[in-house]
Amino acid sequence: MLGKLLKYDLSYVYKVVNVFYLLAIAFAVLTRIFGLFDNSVIIHTFAWISSGITIALLFSILINTMMRLWNRVLKNMYGDESYLTHTLPVSKTNIYTSKFLSSVISTVSSILVVLLVIFIAYYSKENMETLKALLSTIARLYDTSIINFILTFFVVFALEFLVVIQAGFTGLILGHRANSGKMVKSIIYGFGLYLLTMFLALLVIFIFALFRDDVMKLFTISNIVNLDTVKFVLYVGIVFYLVVIVIFFVADILIFKRGVNVE
């Protein structure tokens, strides 16, 4: 049953997000084509416009992925659809797990599409050599490989994105336990939980700083610190985000099981 729930949840998300995927890829291709004619002022203008639209669509992909996931929870668990959802022979754990898995899958797919669009629109031998040179320098400073650096950045960004989504899920669940002002309270809870998460992340880093002088320098000096320290903080951030996501997941299921006030 979980598989069927996940199928419908993903179908709801991708019904809109796929449109932005296609538009972003289409304008990326146009940007690439226009970029081949750099001697024409008119074509160069079109290339500039197309590039701007492409970048805007990249942000739209991420924003709409987030909004569709939140809207799915709202409609399917608390809106008109909830009357059918809560009569299905399926546990509340499976209902919420499906929402969680759909957030993971759509987050990964959206970030991959963003990377694909950037590659289509802006890849060139010159740009690639510049990127390699930059990444090689950074990789050497971080004492890691280029692939390792890219994967670390991808993981950190994906986990940060998921934390925002999960904070929104928790906000919706808490807000809809109220008898009135559900949406306002949902927004307040969600935003508050995200701010709390960021504060706790800073607190965790500060606790490590009490035992490591190099980490403490992040709080006490404005100059560039040892980049090995930055690498350590990134890894701490990855672990922290994973723990937070698990806590959100478990807490959401426990709260959801306590009862639902549908619209």
Protein backbone atom coordinates (compact mmCIF):
# COMPACT_ATOMS: atom_id res chain seq x y z
CA MET A 1 0.00 0.00 0.00
CA LEU A 2 2.92 2.33 0.71
CA GLY A 3 4.00 1.96 -2.91
CA LYS A 4 0.58 3.06 -4.19
CA LEU A 5 0.50 6.04 -1.83
CA LEU A 6 3.97 7.07 -2.97
CA LYS A 7 2.91 6.75 -6.61
CA TYR A 8 -0.02 9.16 -6.10
CA ASP A 9 2.04 11.59 -4.02
CA LEU A 10 4.79 11.75 -6.62
CA SER A 11 2.24 12.07 -9.41
CA TYR A 12 0.78 15.12 -7.65
CA VAL A 13 4.18 16.74 -7.23
CA TYR A 14 5.47 16.05 -10.73
CA LYS A 15 2.22 17.10 -12.42
CA VAL A 16 3.38 20.70 -12.02
CA VAL A 17 7.12 20.33 -11.41
CA ASN A 18 7.59 18.40 -14.67
CA VAL A 19 6.36 21.47 -16.56
CA PHE A 20 9.13 23.54 -15.01
CA TYR A 21 11.63 20.75 -15.77
CA LEU A 22 10.68 20.86 -19.46
CA LEU A 23 10.62 24.67 -19.63
CA ALA A 24 14.01 24.94 -17.95
CA ILE A 25 15.55 22.37 -20.31
CA ALA A 26 13.95 24.07 -23.34
CA PHE A 27 15.30 27.51 -22.42
CA ALA A 28 18.68 25.96 -21.58
CA VAL A 29 18.79 24.57 -25.11
CA LEU A 30 17.80 27.98 -26.52
CA THR A 31 20.53 29.63 -24.45
CA ARG A 32 23.02 27.15 -25.83
CA ILE A 33 21.89 27.73 -29.44
CA PHE A 34 21.87 31.52 -29.12
CA GLY A 35 25.32 31.35 -27.57
CA LEU A 36 26.70 29.88 -30.79
CA PHE A 37 26.09 33.17 -32.62
CA ASP A 38 28.14 35.58 -30.53
CA ASN A 39 28.75 37.96 -33.46
CA SER A 40 25.12 39.05 -33.72
CA VAL A 41 23.86 41.81 -31.43
CA ILE A 42 20.24 40.71 -31.81
CA ILE A 43 21.04 37.05 -31.13
CA HIS A 44 23.25 38.06 -28.21
CA THR A 45 20.27 39.98 -26.76
CA PHE A 46 18.05 36.93 -27.14
CA ALA A 47 20.75 34.81 -25.52
CA TRP A 48 20.88 37.19 -22.55
CA ILE A 49 17.08 37.10 -22.18
CA SER A 50 16.98 33.31 -22.53
CA SER A 51 19.74 32.93 -19.96
CA GLY A 52 17.82 35.11 -17.52
CA ILE A 53 14.66 33.05 -17.99
CA THR A 54 16.67 29.84 -17.54
CA ILE A 55 18.08 31.03 -14.22
CA ALA A 56 14.61 32.12 -13.07
CA LEU A 57 13.26 28.68 -13.96
CA LEU A 58 15.98 27.01 -11.89
CA PHE A 59 14.71 28.82 -8.81
CA SER A 60 11.12 28.04 -9.85
CA ILE A 61 11.93 24.32 -9.95
CA LEU A 62 13.15 24.34 -6.36
CA ILE A 63 10.37 26.60 -5.06
CA ASN A 64 7.60 24.67 -6.80
CA THR A 65 8.99 21.34 -5.63
CA MET A 66 8.77 22.63 -2.08
CA MET A 67 5.32 24.17 -2.50
CA ARG A 68 3.81 21.09 -4.17
CA LEU A 69 5.10 18.86 -1.36
CA TRP A 70 3.59 21.12 1.30
CA ASN A 71 0.35 21.46 -0.65
CA ARG A 72 0.10 17.68 -0.97
CA VAL A 73 0.31 17.27 2.80
CA LEU A 74 -2.26 20.03 3.26
CA LYS A 75 -4.81 18.69 0.78
CA ASN A 76 -4.29 14.97 1.25
CA MET A 77 -4.08 14.93 5.03
CA TYR A 78 -6.26 17.89 6.04
CA GLY A 79 -8.27 19.11 3.02
CA ASP A 80 -11.17 17.59 1.09
CA GLU A 81 -9.08 14.57 0.08
CA SER A 82 -8.42 13.77 3.74
CA TYR A 83 -11.89 12.24 4.17
CA LEU A 84 -10.91 9.54 1.68
CA THR A 85 -7.30 9.33 2.89
CA HIS A 86 -8.27 8.58 6.48
CA THR A 87 -10.80 5.91 5.48
CA LEU A 88 -8.24 3.90 3.52
CA PRO A 89 -7.07 0.63 5.06
CA VAL A 90 -3.61 2.05 5.65
CA SER A 91 -1.83 3.24 8.76
CA LYS A 92 -1.02 6.86 9.51
CA THR A 93 2.63 5.83 9.54
CA ASN A 94 2.42 4.77 5.91
CA ILE A 95 0.49 7.91 4.94
CA TYR A 96 3.18 10.17 6.35
CA THR A 97 6.09 7.94 5.25
CA SER A 98 4.84 8.29 1.68
CA LYS A 99 4.95 12.09 2.01
CA PHE A 100 8.46 11.90 3.44
CA LEU A 101 9.77 9.58 0.71
CA SER A 102 8.19 11.73 -1.99
CA SER A 103 10.04 14.75 -0.55
CA VAL A 104 13.35 12.88 -0.71
CA ILE A 105 12.81 11.62 -4.26
CA SER A 106 11.56 14.94 -5.67
CA THR A 107 14.34 16.88 -3.93
CA VAL A 108 17.03 14.70 -5.48
CA SER A 109 15.40 14.75 -8.93
CA SER A 110 14.92 18.54 -8.89
CA ILE A 111 18.54 19.19 -7.91
CA LEU A 112 19.73 16.80 -10.63
CA VAL A 113 17.58 18.60 -13.22
CA VAL A 114 18.99 21.95 -12.06
CA LEU A 115 22.51 20.59 -12.59
CA LEU A 116 21.53 19.21 -16.01
CA VAL A 117 20.06 22.55 -17.08
CA ILE A 118 23.20 24.41 -15.98
CA PHE A 119 25.32 21.92 -17.95
CA ILE A 120 23.19 22.29 -21.11
CA ALA A 121 23.07 26.08 -20.99
CA TYR A 122 26.58 26.95 -19.92
CA TYR A 123 28.88 24.04 -20.72
CA SER A 124 31.84 24.88 -22.92
CA LYS A 125 35.45 23.80 -23.03
CA GLU A 126 36.55 27.18 -21.71
CA ASN A 127 33.96 27.21 -18.90
CA MET A 128 34.82 23.64 -18.00
CA GLU A 129 38.53 24.39 -17.81
CA THR A 130 37.80 27.39 -15.60
CA LEU A 131 35.52 25.30 -13.40
CA LYS A 132 38.08 22.51 -13.17
CA ALA A 133 40.79 24.98 -12.23
CA LEU A 134 38.58 26.50 -9.55
CA LEU A 135 37.45 23.14 -8.20
CA SER A 136 40.98 21.76 -8.30
CA THR A 137 42.20 24.70 -6.22
CA ILE A 138 39.37 24.29 -3.75
CA ALA A 139 39.80 20.52 -3.68
CA ARG A 140 43.51 20.87 -2.89
CA LEU A 141 42.74 23.35 -0.12
CA TYR A 142 40.18 20.94 1.29
CA ASP A 143 42.58 18.03 0.81
CA THR A 144 39.97 16.15 -1.19
CA SER A 145 39.14 15.26 -4.79
CA ILE A 146 36.95 17.29 -7.16
CA ILE A 147 34.30 14.55 -7.11
CA ASN A 148 34.39 14.48 -3.32
CA PHE A 149 33.95 18.24 -3.19
CA ILE A 150 30.99 18.20 -5.60
CA LEU A 151 29.33 15.33 -3.72
CA THR A 152 29.83 17.07 -0.37
CA PHE A 153 28.27 20.27 -1.71
CA PHE A 154 25.40 18.30 -3.28
CA VAL A 155 24.70 16.43 -0.01
CA VAL A 156 24.82 19.57 2.13
CA PHE A 157 22.48 21.47 -0.20
CA ALA A 158 20.06 18.53 -0.54
CA LEU A 159 19.91 18.00 3.23
CA GLU A 160 19.40 21.71 3.87
CA PHE A 161 16.56 21.68 1.34
CA LEU A 162 15.01 18.63 3.02
CA VAL A 163 15.24 20.27 6.45
CA VAL A 164 13.23 23.23 5.13
CA ILE A 165 10.61 20.86 3.69
CA GLN A 166 10.39 18.78 6.88
CA ALA A 167 10.06 21.92 9.01
CA GLY A 168 7.11 22.84 6.77
CA PHE A 169 5.58 19.38 7.19
CA THR A 170 5.87 19.60 10.97
CA GLY A 171 4.45 23.11 10.93
CA LEU A 172 1.40 21.93 8.96
CA ILE A 173 0.81 18.99 11.30
CA LEU A 174 1.11 21.14 14.44
CA GLY A 175 -0.88 24.03 13.00
CA HIS A 176 -3.77 21.80 11.94
CA ARG A 177 -4.21 20.49 15.45
CA ALA A 178 -5.60 23.91 16.33
CA ASN A 179 -9.30 24.73 16.15
CA SER A 180 -8.81 28.05 14.36
CA GLY A 181 -6.18 29.98 12.43
CA LYS A 182 -4.68 26.72 11.20
CA MET A 183 -2.73 28.09 8.24
CA VAL A 184 -1.35 31.08 10.14
CA LYS A 185 -0.25 28.82 12.97
CA SER A 186 1.20 26.32 10.49
CA ILE A 187 3.37 29.04 8.92
CA ILE A 188 4.47 30.29 12.35
CA TYR A 189 5.31 26.77 13.56
CA GLY A 190 7.15 25.88 10.35
CA PHE A 191 9.19 29.08 10.23
CA GLY A 192 9.87 28.88 13.95
CA LEU A 193 11.08 25.29 13.69
CA TYR A 194 13.41 26.18 10.85
CA LEU A 195 14.89 29.08 12.84
CA LEU A 196 15.24 26.76 15.84
CA THR A 197 17.05 24.23 13.67
CA MET A 198 19.49 26.87 12.44
CA PHE A 199 20.09 28.05 16.02
CA LEU A 200 20.76 24.48 17.14
CA ALA A 201 23.17 23.99 14.23
CA LEU A 202 25.09 27.06 15.38
CA LEU A 203 24.98 25.81 18.97
CA VAL A 204 26.38 22.40 17.98
CA ILE A 205 29.26 24.06 16.12
CA PHE A 206 29.91 26.29 19.14
CA ILE A 207 30.02 23.24 21.42
CA PHE A 208 32.67 21.70 19.17
CA ALA A 209 34.47 25.04 19.27
CA LEU A 210 34.82 24.72 23.05
CA PHE A 211 37.05 21.72 22.47
CA ARG A 212 38.76 22.80 19.24
CA ASP A 213 40.62 26.09 18.97
CA ASP A 214 40.49 26.04 15.18
CA VAL A 215 36.68 25.88 15.22
CA MET A 216 36.51 28.63 17.85
CA LYS A 217 38.30 30.92 15.40
CA LEU A 218 35.14 30.87 13.28
CA PHE A 219 33.49 32.81 16.12
CA THR A 220 36.38 35.03 17.18
CA ILE A 221 38.16 36.22 14.02
CA SER A 222 37.04 37.67 10.71
CA ASN A 223 40.03 36.48 8.70
CA ILE A 224 40.06 33.29 6.63
CA VAL A 225 40.57 30.26 8.86
CA ASN A 226 42.14 26.91 8.09
CA LEU A 227 39.99 25.32 5.38
CA ASP A 228 40.38 21.95 7.08
CA THR A 229 38.26 23.51 9.80
CA VAL A 230 35.60 24.45 7.25
CA LYS A 231 35.63 20.87 5.96
CA PHE A 232 35.13 19.61 9.52
CA VAL A 233 32.19 21.98 10.02
CA LEU A 234 30.60 20.81 6.75
CA TYR A 235 30.80 17.19 7.86
CA VAL A 236 29.33 18.11 11.25
CA GLY A 237 26.55 19.90 9.37
CA ILE A 238 25.78 16.79 7.30
CA VAL A 239 25.47 14.62 10.42
CA PHE A 240 23.41 17.30 12.17
CA TYR A 241 20.99 17.64 9.24
CA LEU A 242 20.54 13.86 9.05
CA VAL A 243 19.74 13.70 12.77
CA VAL A 244 17.29 16.62 12.47
CA ILE A 245 15.50 15.01 9.51
CA VAL A 246 15.11 11.75 11.46
CA ILE A 247 13.79 13.66 14.49
CA PHE A 248 11.28 15.54 12.32
CA PHE A 249 10.18 12.26 10.70
CA VAL A 250 9.63 10.43 14.00
CA ALA A 251 8.00 13.43 15.69
CA ASP A 252 5.64 14.01 12.76
CA ILE A 253 4.43 10.41 12.82
CA LEU A 254 3.89 10.48 16.59
CA ILE A 255 1.95 13.76 16.43
CA PHE A 256 -0.02 12.63 13.38
CA LYS A 257 -1.06 9.45 15.17
CA ARG A 258 -2.57 11.49 18.01
CA GLY A 259 -5.45 12.55 15.80
CA VAL A 260 -6.38 14.73 12.85
CA ASN A 261 -8.62 17.79 12.65
CA VAL A 262 -9.72 17.93 9.02
CA GLU A 263 -11.13 21.04 7.34
